[in-house]
Amino acid sequence: MSTIRLDHVSRWYRNVVAVNDVSMTLGPGVTGLLGPNGAGKSTLIAMMSGFLAPSAGTVTLDGDPLWRNQEIYRKVGLVPEREALFDYLTGLRFVLVNAELQGLPDPGAAAQRAIAMVEMADAQDRAIATYSKGMRQRIKMAASLVHDPSVLLLDEPFNGMDPRQRMHLMQLLRTMGAEGRTVLFSSHILEEVEQVARQVEVMVAGRHAASGDFGAIRRLMTDRPNRFVLRSADDRKLAGVLLTDPSVRGVRLRAEGGIELEASDFGRFSEVLPRLARDHGVRLLEVSPTDESLESVFSYLVAR
């Protein structure tokens, strides 16, 4: 098991600050690095993989600095967003070269195993020049997995993949996280992150905006209301009761049944709701948050 730590890391290019004073710790499991294009995600991954030096702060893997440390490449697999392929090579040859560079005892077997993991065996003898964008992504993935790394860093790995390829890669990332690997993947597409990683690191304009479970992040934002849909045995009675509590900002009876509710204090609301329903003899049938998706969390963070 491996741990990456960033301690007050910044990276600037002349007068442009790409990453500004970021501290975070990444351990075993799958973590999503979320942020819009230009947020600093690729720069952060480049520093985590040892390909870019921080202008300030430190980036370590299991306590060892990543910059100018060739030994870490035995532990790290990187899938860059930018194309880094030799189009004249076949997919098999490309992965095999990476296996040979790692000095593996049986590079041929390792290459075949990695290619099978990403379901590219049928196309392994074709030139990379003939590959689609999704196929290129998968062969890059195979090359990054060929030495069985304990850390896997992926920069926008789902770009260009069709729905079936995307679902297969999502399951592969979940499996690797469950095996105890440290897996970090970046994305600006909220649905991708939400389906693979509950643990989220959010970057906005080069800064580390939030960290943790995205539902917990949302609940910490007490300056914005939490929204719910409730269904009960007596919606009208429950709505009237809830309006008397200071944690409830507003309620609305829905034409199709149920109550739409805004709570200004999530902690208090979660405590008083079952108690008020019980005290007034109203049976709760459903309580569903309507704005705990990553899309909602992200929009709130960007607006702050």
C-alpha atoms as a PDB file:
ATOM      1  CA  MET A   1       0.000   0.000   0.000  1.00  0.00           C
ATOM      2  CA  SER A   2       1.300   3.421  -0.958  1.00  0.00           C
ATOM      3  CA  THR A   3       0.532   6.976   0.117  1.00  0.00           C
ATOM      4  CA  ILE A   4       1.148  10.198  -1.788  1.00  0.00           C
ATOM      5  CA  ARG A   5       1.413  13.398   0.234  1.00  0.00           C
ATOM      6  CA  LEU A   6       1.424  16.958  -1.028  1.00  0.00           C
ATOM      7  CA  ASP A   7       2.512  19.574   1.489  1.00  0.00           C
ATOM      8  CA  HIS A   8       1.830  23.230   0.566  1.00  0.00           C
ATOM      9  CA  VAL A   9       2.596  22.541  -3.084  1.00  0.00           C
ATOM     10  CA  SER A  10       2.605  25.333  -5.667  1.00  0.00           C
ATOM     11  CA  ARG A  11       3.626  25.416  -9.290  1.00  0.00           C
ATOM     12  CA  TRP A  12       3.944  28.509 -11.399  1.00  0.00           C
ATOM     13  CA  TYR A  13       5.021  29.261 -14.952  1.00  0.00           C
ATOM     14  CA  ARG A  14       6.525  32.745 -14.985  1.00  0.00           C
ATOM     15  CA  ASN A  15       3.583  34.918 -13.914  1.00  0.00           C
ATOM     16  CA  VAL A  16       0.956  32.172 -14.170  1.00  0.00           C
ATOM     17  CA  VAL A  17       0.143  30.174 -11.026  1.00  0.00           C
ATOM     18  CA  ALA A  18      -1.175  26.748 -12.073  1.00  0.00           C
ATOM     19  CA  VAL A  19      -1.331  25.212  -8.580  1.00  0.00           C
ATOM     20  CA  ASN A  20      -1.492  27.340  -5.463  1.00  0.00           C
ATOM     21  CA  ASP A  21      -0.581  26.042  -1.971  1.00  0.00           C
ATOM     22  CA  VAL A  22      -2.214  22.599  -2.219  1.00  0.00           C
ATOM     23  CA  SER A  23      -1.984  20.042   0.595  1.00  0.00           C
ATOM     24  CA  MET A  24      -3.608  16.623   0.389  1.00  0.00           C
ATOM     25  CA  THR A  25      -2.989  12.962   1.186  1.00  0.00           C
ATOM     26  CA  LEU A  26      -3.931  10.108  -1.154  1.00  0.00           C
ATOM     27  CA  GLY A  27      -4.043   6.569   0.182  1.00  0.00           C
ATOM     28  CA  PRO A  28      -5.317   3.170  -0.990  1.00  0.00           C
ATOM     29  CA  GLY A  29      -8.631   3.166  -2.835  1.00  0.00           C
ATOM     30  CA  VAL A  30     -10.049   5.252  -5.669  1.00  0.00           C
ATOM     31  CA  THR A  31     -10.015   9.053  -5.439  1.00  0.00           C
ATOM     32  CA  GLY A  32     -11.552  11.389  -7.993  1.00  0.00           C
ATOM     33  CA  LEU A  33      -9.753  14.647  -8.800  1.00  0.00           C
ATOM     34  CA  LEU A  34     -12.532  16.954  -9.899  1.00  0.00           C
ATOM     35  CA  GLY A  35     -12.364  20.365 -11.477  1.00  0.00           C
ATOM     36  CA  PRO A  36     -13.031  22.328 -14.663  1.00  0.00           C
ATOM     37  CA  ASN A  37     -10.501  22.544 -17.472  1.00  0.00           C
ATOM     38  CA  GLY A  38      -7.679  24.830 -16.365  1.00  0.00           C
ATOM     39  CA  ALA A  39      -8.160  24.093 -12.664  1.00  0.00           C
ATOM     40  CA  GLY A  40      -4.646  22.648 -12.281  1.00  0.00           C
ATOM     41  CA  LYS A  41      -5.487  18.928 -12.350  1.00  0.00           C
ATOM     42  CA  SER A  42      -2.930  17.945 -15.004  1.00  0.00           C
ATOM     43  CA  THR A  43      -0.189  19.970 -13.321  1.00  0.00           C
ATOM     44  CA  LEU A  44      -0.974  18.284 -10.016  1.00  0.00           C
ATOM     45  CA  ILE A  45      -0.811  14.807 -11.586  1.00  0.00           C
ATOM     46  CA  ALA A  46       2.474  15.649 -13.326  1.00  0.00           C
ATOM     47  CA  MET A  47       3.998  16.529  -9.943  1.00  0.00           C
ATOM     48  CA  MET A  48       2.542  13.387  -8.316  1.00  0.00           C
ATOM     49  CA  SER A  49       4.111  11.228 -11.023  1.00  0.00           C
ATOM     50  CA  GLY A  50       7.562  12.806 -10.688  1.00  0.00           C
ATOM     51  CA  PHE A  51       7.570  14.434 -14.125  1.00  0.00           C
ATOM     52  CA  LEU A  52       7.316  18.000 -12.871  1.00  0.00           C
ATOM     53  CA  ALA A  53       9.048  19.714  -9.970  1.00  0.00           C
ATOM     54  CA  PRO A  54       6.963  21.808  -7.571  1.00  0.00           C
ATOM     55  CA  SER A  55       7.952  25.465  -7.442  1.00  0.00           C
ATOM     56  CA  ALA A  56       7.294  25.342  -3.699  1.00  0.00           C
ATOM     57  CA  GLY A  57       6.348  22.640  -1.199  1.00  0.00           C
ATOM     58  CA  THR A  58       6.989  18.887  -1.337  1.00  0.00           C
ATOM     59  CA  VAL A  59       5.422  15.864  -3.029  1.00  0.00           C
ATOM     60  CA  THR A  60       6.338  12.465  -1.553  1.00  0.00           C
ATOM     61  CA  LEU A  61       5.485   8.814  -2.112  1.00  0.00           C
ATOM     62  CA  ASP A  62       5.730   6.774   1.077  1.00  0.00           C
ATOM     63  CA  GLY A  63       7.963   9.509   2.492  1.00  0.00           C
ATOM     64  CA  ASP A  64      10.349   9.688  -0.495  1.00  0.00           C
ATOM     65  CA  PRO A  65      10.470  12.757  -2.774  1.00  0.00           C
ATOM     66  CA  LEU A  66       8.995  12.101  -6.208  1.00  0.00           C
ATOM     67  CA  TRP A  67      11.030  14.627  -8.191  1.00  0.00           C
ATOM     68  CA  ARG A  68      14.260  13.183  -9.655  1.00  0.00           C
ATOM     69  CA  ASN A  69      13.682   9.822  -8.011  1.00  0.00           C
ATOM     70  CA  GLN A  70      13.834   7.134 -10.678  1.00  0.00           C
ATOM     71  CA  GLU A  71      12.975   4.347  -8.235  1.00  0.00           C
ATOM     72  CA  ILE A  72       9.415   5.607  -7.855  1.00  0.00           C
ATOM     73  CA  TYR A  73       8.627   4.660 -11.461  1.00  0.00           C
ATOM     74  CA  ARG A  74       8.572   1.023 -10.333  1.00  0.00           C
ATOM     75  CA  LYS A  75       5.622   1.903  -8.092  1.00  0.00           C
ATOM     76  CA  VAL A  76       3.745   4.399 -10.266  1.00  0.00           C
ATOM     77  CA  GLY A  77       1.680   3.930 -13.407  1.00  0.00           C
ATOM     78  CA  LEU A  78       0.709   7.062 -15.340  1.00  0.00           C
ATOM     79  CA  VAL A  79      -1.985   7.501 -17.988  1.00  0.00           C
ATOM     80  CA  PRO A  80      -1.453  11.050 -19.327  1.00  0.00           C
ATOM     81  CA  GLU A  81      -4.189  13.017 -21.021  1.00  0.00           C
ATOM     82  CA  ARG A  82      -1.889  14.082 -23.837  1.00  0.00           C
ATOM     83  CA  GLU A  83      -1.087  11.485 -26.469  1.00  0.00           C
ATOM     84  CA  ALA A  84       2.335   9.922 -25.880  1.00  0.00           C
ATOM     85  CA  LEU A  85       2.180   7.117 -28.419  1.00  0.00           C
ATOM     86  CA  PHE A  86       4.296   5.943 -31.337  1.00  0.00           C
ATOM     87  CA  ASP A  87       1.748   5.477 -34.103  1.00  0.00           C
ATOM     88  CA  TYR A  88       3.935   3.157 -36.164  1.00  0.00           C
ATOM     89  CA  LEU A  89       4.104   0.585 -33.334  1.00  0.00           C
ATOM     90  CA  THR A  90       1.475  -2.069 -32.789  1.00  0.00           C
ATOM     91  CA  GLY A  91      -0.400  -1.947 -29.511  1.00  0.00           C
ATOM     92  CA  LEU A  92       1.427  -5.064 -28.322  1.00  0.00           C
ATOM     93  CA  ARG A  93       4.844  -3.650 -29.169  1.00  0.00           C
ATOM     94  CA  PHE A  94       4.066  -0.390 -27.377  1.00  0.00           C
ATOM     95  CA  VAL A  95       3.111  -2.190 -24.163  1.00  0.00           C
ATOM     96  CA  LEU A  96       6.027  -4.615 -24.535  1.00  0.00           C
ATOM     97  CA  VAL A  97       8.508  -1.744 -24.750  1.00  0.00           C
ATOM     98  CA  ASN A  98       7.198  -0.421 -21.442  1.00  0.00           C
ATOM     99  CA  ALA A  99       7.555  -3.865 -19.895  1.00  0.00           C
ATOM    100  CA  GLU A 100      11.153  -4.089 -21.130  1.00  0.00           C
ATOM    101  CA  LEU A 101      11.960  -0.603 -19.817  1.00  0.00           C
ATOM    102  CA  GLN A 102      10.768  -1.766 -16.381  1.00  0.00           C
ATOM    103  CA  GLY A 103      13.204  -4.685 -16.546  1.00  0.00           C
ATOM    104  CA  LEU A 104      10.500  -7.275 -15.930  1.00  0.00           C
ATOM    105  CA  PRO A 105      11.643 -10.923 -15.907  1.00  0.00           C
ATOM    106  CA  ASP A 106       9.044 -11.958 -18.522  1.00  0.00           C
ATOM    107  CA  PRO A 107       8.031  -8.813 -20.433  1.00  0.00           C
ATOM    108  CA  GLY A 108       6.028 -10.736 -23.037  1.00  0.00           C
ATOM    109  CA  ALA A 109       3.750 -12.359 -20.475  1.00  0.00           C
ATOM    110  CA  ALA A 110       3.370  -9.079 -18.577  1.00  0.00           C
ATOM    111  CA  ALA A 111       2.383  -7.246 -21.767  1.00  0.00           C
ATOM    112  CA  GLN A 112      -0.208  -9.868 -22.701  1.00  0.00           C
ATOM    113  CA  ARG A 113      -1.680  -9.765 -19.198  1.00  0.00           C
ATOM    114  CA  ALA A 114      -1.988  -5.974 -19.203  1.00  0.00           C
ATOM    115  CA  ILE A 115      -3.549  -5.927 -22.676  1.00  0.00           C
ATOM    116  CA  ALA A 116      -6.101  -8.518 -21.612  1.00  0.00           C
ATOM    117  CA  MET A 117      -7.037  -6.390 -18.582  1.00  0.00           C
ATOM    118  CA  VAL A 118      -8.110  -3.538 -20.851  1.00  0.00           C
ATOM    119  CA  GLU A 119      -9.765  -5.825 -23.436  1.00  0.00           C
ATOM    120  CA  MET A 120      -7.420  -4.936 -26.314  1.00  0.00           C
ATOM    121  CA  ALA A 121      -6.202  -8.443 -27.269  1.00  0.00           C
ATOM    122  CA  ASP A 122      -8.176  -8.435 -30.533  1.00  0.00           C
ATOM    123  CA  ALA A 123      -6.453  -5.240 -31.703  1.00  0.00           C
ATOM    124  CA  GLN A 124      -2.989  -5.743 -30.215  1.00  0.00           C
ATOM    125  CA  ASP A 125      -1.348  -6.547 -33.578  1.00  0.00           C
ATOM    126  CA  ARG A 126      -2.712  -3.462 -35.325  1.00  0.00           C
ATOM    127  CA  ALA A 127      -0.710  -0.257 -35.669  1.00  0.00           C
ATOM    128  CA  ILE A 128      -1.663   2.387 -33.125  1.00  0.00           C
ATOM    129  CA  ALA A 129      -2.230   4.761 -36.052  1.00  0.00           C
ATOM    130  CA  THR A 130      -5.410   2.790 -36.824  1.00  0.00           C
ATOM    131  CA  TYR A 131      -6.791   3.067 -33.276  1.00  0.00           C
ATOM    132  CA  SER A 132      -9.748   5.192 -32.251  1.00  0.00           C
ATOM    133  CA  LYS A 133      -9.403   7.668 -29.382  1.00  0.00           C
ATOM    134  CA  GLY A 134     -10.966   5.181 -26.969  1.00  0.00           C
ATOM    135  CA  MET A 135      -8.593   2.407 -28.095  1.00  0.00           C
ATOM    136  CA  ARG A 136      -5.621   4.708 -27.620  1.00  0.00           C
ATOM    137  CA  GLN A 137      -6.779   5.428 -24.089  1.00  0.00           C
ATOM    138  CA  ARG A 138      -6.989   1.711 -23.328  1.00  0.00           C
ATOM    139  CA  ILE A 139      -3.560   0.875 -24.756  1.00  0.00           C
ATOM    140  CA  LYS A 140      -2.061   3.694 -22.658  1.00  0.00           C
ATOM    141  CA  MET A 141      -3.797   2.108 -19.685  1.00  0.00           C
ATOM    142  CA  ALA A 142      -2.239  -1.269 -20.497  1.00  0.00           C
ATOM    143  CA  ALA A 143       1.218   0.293 -20.701  1.00  0.00           C
ATOM    144  CA  SER A 144       0.742   1.918 -17.304  1.00  0.00           C
ATOM    145  CA  LEU A 145      -0.364  -1.383 -15.714  1.00  0.00           C
ATOM    146  CA  VAL A 146       2.290  -3.653 -17.236  1.00  0.00           C
ATOM    147  CA  HIS A 147       4.588  -3.511 -14.166  1.00  0.00           C
ATOM    148  CA  ASP A 148       1.717  -3.978 -11.674  1.00  0.00           C
ATOM    149  CA  PRO A 149       2.124  -0.575  -9.949  1.00  0.00           C
ATOM    150  CA  SER A 150       0.834   0.156  -6.457  1.00  0.00           C
ATOM    151  CA  VAL A 151      -0.070   3.726  -7.538  1.00  0.00           C
ATOM    152  CA  LEU A 152      -2.078   4.535 -10.651  1.00  0.00           C
ATOM    153  CA  LEU A 153      -2.536   8.130 -11.840  1.00  0.00           C
ATOM    154  CA  LEU A 154      -4.945   8.792 -14.701  1.00  0.00           C
ATOM    155  CA  ASP A 155      -5.538  12.171 -16.326  1.00  0.00           C
ATOM    156  CA  GLU A 156      -8.998  12.325 -17.969  1.00  0.00           C
ATOM    157  CA  PRO A 157      -8.913   8.576 -18.750  1.00  0.00           C
ATOM    158  CA  PHE A 158     -12.486   8.339 -20.082  1.00  0.00           C
ATOM    159  CA  ASN A 159     -11.975  10.804 -22.950  1.00  0.00           C
ATOM    160  CA  GLY A 160     -13.054   9.303 -26.261  1.00  0.00           C
ATOM    161  CA  MET A 161     -14.415   6.051 -24.834  1.00  0.00           C
ATOM    162  CA  ASP A 162     -17.771   4.659 -25.864  1.00  0.00           C
ATOM    163  CA  PRO A 163     -20.271   3.713 -23.108  1.00  0.00           C
ATOM    164  CA  ARG A 164     -19.188   0.053 -22.960  1.00  0.00           C
ATOM    165  CA  GLN A 165     -15.495   0.945 -22.758  1.00  0.00           C
ATOM    166  CA  ARG A 166     -16.262   3.543 -20.092  1.00  0.00           C
ATOM    167  CA  MET A 167     -18.178   1.066 -17.932  1.00  0.00           C
ATOM    168  CA  HIS A 168     -15.386  -1.514 -18.237  1.00  0.00           C
ATOM    169  CA  LEU A 169     -12.729   1.013 -17.172  1.00  0.00           C
ATOM    170  CA  MET A 170     -14.874   2.189 -14.271  1.00  0.00           C
ATOM    171  CA  GLN A 171     -15.144  -1.383 -13.012  1.00  0.00           C
ATOM    172  CA  LEU A 172     -11.405  -1.906 -13.495  1.00  0.00           C
ATOM    173  CA  LEU A 173     -10.617   1.165 -11.387  1.00  0.00           C
ATOM    174  CA  ARG A 174     -12.989   0.001  -8.656  1.00  0.00           C
ATOM    175  CA  THR A 175     -11.336  -3.422  -8.640  1.00  0.00           C
ATOM    176  CA  MET A 176      -7.843  -1.967  -8.372  1.00  0.00           C
ATOM    177  CA  GLY A 177      -8.922   0.295  -5.538  1.00  0.00           C
ATOM    178  CA  ALA A 178     -10.450  -2.677  -3.714  1.00  0.00           C
ATOM    179  CA  GLU A 179      -7.144  -4.524  -4.126  1.00  0.00           C
ATOM    180  CA  GLY A 180      -5.427  -1.831  -2.067  1.00  0.00           C
ATOM    181  CA  ARG A 181      -3.853   0.223  -4.837  1.00  0.00           C
ATOM    182  CA  THR A 182      -3.788   4.005  -4.638  1.00  0.00           C
ATOM    183  CA  VAL A 183      -5.803   5.140  -7.671  1.00  0.00           C
ATOM    184  CA  LEU A 184      -6.326   8.780  -8.615  1.00  0.00           C
ATOM    185  CA  PHE A 185      -8.161   9.841 -11.745  1.00  0.00           C
ATOM    186  CA  SER A 186      -9.040  13.324 -12.900  1.00  0.00           C
ATOM    187  CA  SER A 187     -12.157  14.403 -14.705  1.00  0.00           C
ATOM    188  CA  HIS A 188     -14.205  17.491 -15.445  1.00  0.00           C
ATOM    189  CA  ILE A 189     -17.262  15.311 -16.074  1.00  0.00           C
ATOM    190  CA  LEU A 190     -19.090  15.004 -12.785  1.00  0.00           C
ATOM    191  CA  GLU A 191     -20.984  11.810 -13.572  1.00  0.00           C
ATOM    192  CA  GLU A 192     -17.729   9.915 -14.187  1.00  0.00           C
ATOM    193  CA  VAL A 193     -16.337  10.789 -10.776  1.00  0.00           C
ATOM    194  CA  GLU A 194     -19.594  10.138  -8.973  1.00  0.00           C
ATOM    195  CA  GLN A 195     -19.898   6.621 -10.420  1.00  0.00           C
ATOM    196  CA  VAL A 196     -16.375   5.537  -9.487  1.00  0.00           C
ATOM    197  CA  ALA A 197     -15.160   7.434  -6.428  1.00  0.00           C
ATOM    198  CA  ARG A 198     -16.988   8.599  -3.341  1.00  0.00           C
ATOM    199  CA  GLN A 199     -13.727  10.200  -2.136  1.00  0.00           C
ATOM    200  CA  VAL A 200     -13.241  13.459  -4.003  1.00  0.00           C
ATOM    201  CA  GLU A 201     -10.557  16.140  -4.181  1.00  0.00           C
ATOM    202  CA  VAL A 202     -11.876  19.311  -5.799  1.00  0.00           C
ATOM    203  CA  MET A 203      -9.636  21.811  -7.595  1.00  0.00           C
ATOM    204  CA  VAL A 204     -10.918  25.255  -8.567  1.00  0.00           C
ATOM    205  CA  ALA A 205      -8.651  27.863 -10.204  1.00  0.00           C
ATOM    206  CA  GLY A 206      -5.468  26.165  -8.990  1.00  0.00           C
ATOM    207  CA  ARG A 207      -6.624  25.892  -5.392  1.00  0.00           C
ATOM    208  CA  HIS A 208      -7.730  22.898  -3.352  1.00  0.00           C
ATOM    209  CA  ALA A 209     -11.383  23.767  -2.833  1.00  0.00           C
ATOM    210  CA  ALA A 210     -12.655  20.707  -0.949  1.00  0.00           C
ATOM    211  CA  SER A 211     -11.729  17.204   0.125  1.00  0.00           C
ATOM    212  CA  GLY A 212     -13.630  14.151   1.325  1.00  0.00           C
ATOM    213  CA  ASP A 213     -16.938  12.406   0.740  1.00  0.00           C
ATOM    214  CA  PHE A 214     -18.914  14.615  -1.646  1.00  0.00           C
ATOM    215  CA  GLY A 215     -22.072  14.253   0.423  1.00  0.00           C
ATOM    216  CA  ALA A 216     -20.174  15.384   3.514  1.00  0.00           C
ATOM    217  CA  ILE A 217     -18.668  18.295   1.585  1.00  0.00           C
ATOM    218  CA  ARG A 218     -22.153  19.419   0.624  1.00  0.00           C
ATOM    219  CA  ARG A 219     -23.400  19.220   4.194  1.00  0.00           C
ATOM    220  CA  LEU A 220     -20.552  21.428   5.403  1.00  0.00           C
ATOM    221  CA  MET A 221     -21.792  24.246   3.187  1.00  0.00           C
ATOM    222  CA  THR A 222     -24.176  25.707   5.728  1.00  0.00           C
ATOM    223  CA  ASP A 223     -24.405  28.978   3.802  1.00  0.00           C
ATOM    224  CA  ARG A 224     -26.600  27.256   1.217  1.00  0.00           C
ATOM    225  CA  PRO A 225     -29.805  25.311   1.820  1.00  0.00           C
ATOM    226  CA  ASN A 226     -30.022  21.533   1.648  1.00  0.00           C
ATOM    227  CA  ARG A 227     -32.930  20.412  -0.509  1.00  0.00           C
ATOM    228  CA  PHE A 228     -35.039  17.302   0.043  1.00  0.00           C
ATOM    229  CA  VAL A 229     -38.121  15.564  -1.260  1.00  0.00           C
ATOM    230  CA  LEU A 230     -40.252  13.991   1.480  1.00  0.00           C
ATOM    231  CA  ARG A 231     -43.227  11.656   1.216  1.00  0.00           C
ATOM    232  CA  SER A 232     -45.389  10.808   4.194  1.00  0.00           C
ATOM    233  CA  ALA A 233     -48.785   9.456   5.199  1.00  0.00           C
ATOM    234  CA  ASP A 234     -50.026  13.070   5.594  1.00  0.00           C
ATOM    235  CA  ASP A 235     -47.935  15.523   3.585  1.00  0.00           C
ATOM    236  CA  ARG A 236     -50.026  18.598   4.395  1.00  0.00           C
ATOM    237  CA  LYS A 237     -49.857  18.026   8.158  1.00  0.00           C
ATOM    238  CA  LEU A 238     -46.116  17.280   8.053  1.00  0.00           C
ATOM    239  CA  ALA A 239     -45.425  20.415   6.005  1.00  0.00           C
ATOM    240  CA  GLY A 240     -47.206  22.581   8.558  1.00  0.00           C
ATOM    241  CA  VAL A 241     -45.314  20.999  11.450  1.00  0.00           C
ATOM    242  CA  LEU A 242     -41.906  21.362   9.784  1.00  0.00           C
ATOM    243  CA  LEU A 243     -42.452  25.044   9.029  1.00  0.00           C
ATOM    244  CA  THR A 244     -42.475  25.735  12.769  1.00  0.00           C
ATOM    245  CA  ASP A 245     -38.849  24.598  13.138  1.00  0.00           C
ATOM    246  CA  PRO A 246     -36.033  27.152  12.588  1.00  0.00           C
ATOM    247  CA  SER A 247     -33.936  24.634  10.610  1.00  0.00           C
ATOM    248  CA  VAL A 248     -36.505  24.674   7.786  1.00  0.00           C
ATOM    249  CA  ARG A 249     -36.282  27.551   5.335  1.00  0.00           C
ATOM    250  CA  GLY A 250     -39.286  26.654   3.207  1.00  0.00           C
ATOM    251  CA  VAL A 251     -41.630  23.875   2.073  1.00  0.00           C
ATOM    252  CA  ARG A 252     -43.824  23.295  -0.952  1.00  0.00           C
ATOM    253  CA  LEU A 253     -46.467  20.652  -1.558  1.00  0.00           C
ATOM    254  CA  ARG A 254     -45.906  18.962  -4.906  1.00  0.00           C
ATOM    255  CA  ALA A 255     -48.845  18.398  -7.263  1.00  0.00           C
ATOM    256  CA  GLU A 256     -47.741  14.794  -7.813  1.00  0.00           C
ATOM    257  CA  GLY A 257     -47.538  14.200  -4.057  1.00  0.00           C
ATOM    258  CA  GLY A 258     -44.807  14.739  -1.510  1.00  0.00           C
ATOM    259  CA  ILE A 259     -43.071  17.797  -0.116  1.00  0.00           C
ATOM    260  CA  GLU A 260     -40.144  19.823  -1.446  1.00  0.00           C
ATOM    261  CA  LEU A 261     -38.175  21.249   1.446  1.00  0.00           C
ATOM    262  CA  GLU A 262     -35.152  23.520   2.006  1.00  0.00           C
ATOM    263  CA  ALA A 263     -33.237  23.139   5.265  1.00  0.00           C
ATOM    264  CA  SER A 264     -30.776  25.820   6.372  1.00  0.00           C
ATOM    265  CA  ASP A 265     -29.256  23.657   9.145  1.00  0.00           C
ATOM    266  CA  PHE A 266     -28.717  20.061   8.008  1.00  0.00           C
ATOM    267  CA  GLY A 267     -27.554  18.807  11.410  1.00  0.00           C
ATOM    268  CA  ARG A 268     -30.579  20.091  13.271  1.00  0.00           C
ATOM    269  CA  PHE A 269     -33.010  19.105  10.516  1.00  0.00           C
ATOM    270  CA  SER A 270     -31.780  15.492  10.473  1.00  0.00           C
ATOM    271  CA  GLU A 271     -32.480  15.299  14.212  1.00  0.00           C
ATOM    272  CA  VAL A 272     -35.853  17.031  14.391  1.00  0.00           C
ATOM    273  CA  LEU A 273     -37.501  15.477  11.313  1.00  0.00           C
ATOM    274  CA  PRO A 274     -38.068  11.968  12.735  1.00  0.00           C
ATOM    275  CA  ARG A 275     -38.980  13.379  16.146  1.00  0.00           C
ATOM    276  CA  LEU A 276     -41.545  15.849  14.807  1.00  0.00           C
ATOM    277  CA  ALA A 277     -43.078  13.202  12.548  1.00  0.00           C
ATOM    278  CA  ARG A 278     -43.378  10.774  15.459  1.00  0.00           C
ATOM    279  CA  ASP A 279     -44.752  13.355  17.906  1.00  0.00           C
ATOM    280  CA  HIS A 280     -47.494  14.363  15.449  1.00  0.00           C
ATOM    281  CA  GLY A 281     -48.365  10.846  14.344  1.00  0.00           C
ATOM    282  CA  VAL A 282     -47.175  11.194  10.736  1.00  0.00           C
ATOM    283  CA  ARG A 283     -45.428   8.197   9.168  1.00  0.00           C
ATOM    284  CA  LEU A 284     -42.438   9.057   6.950  1.00  0.00           C
ATOM    285  CA  LEU A 285     -42.329   7.093   3.703  1.00  0.00           C
ATOM    286  CA  GLU A 286     -39.360   8.698   1.919  1.00  0.00           C
ATOM    287  CA  VAL A 287     -36.625  11.266   2.565  1.00  0.00           C
ATOM    288  CA  SER A 288     -34.439  11.934  -0.490  1.00  0.00           C
ATOM    289  CA  PRO A 289     -31.790  14.653  -0.907  1.00  0.00           C
ATOM    290  CA  THR A 290     -32.125  16.340  -4.285  1.00  0.00           C
ATOM    291  CA  ASP A 291     -28.850  18.291  -4.457  1.00  0.00           C
ATOM    292  CA  GLU A 292     -26.161  15.912  -3.195  1.00  0.00           C
ATOM    293  CA  SER A 293     -24.926  14.977  -6.653  1.00  0.00           C
ATOM    294  CA  LEU A 294     -21.382  15.971  -7.568  1.00  0.00           C
ATOM    295  CA  GLU A 295     -22.801  18.399 -10.105  1.00  0.00           C
ATOM    296  CA  SER A 296     -24.559  20.293  -7.352  1.00  0.00           C
ATOM    297  CA  VAL A 297     -21.538  20.184  -5.046  1.00  0.00           C
ATOM    298  CA  PHE A 298     -19.238  21.402  -7.812  1.00  0.00           C
ATOM    299  CA  SER A 299     -21.498  24.275  -8.838  1.00  0.00           C
ATOM    300  CA  TYR A 300     -21.667  25.438  -5.226  1.00  0.00           C
ATOM    301  CA  LEU A 301     -17.880  25.268  -4.843  1.00  0.00           C
ATOM    302  CA  VAL A 302     -17.238  27.233  -8.023  1.00  0.00           C
ATOM    303  CA  ALA A 303     -19.736  29.885  -6.975  1.00  0.00           C
ATOM    304  CA  ARG A 304     -18.101  30.456  -3.604  1.00  0.00           C
END
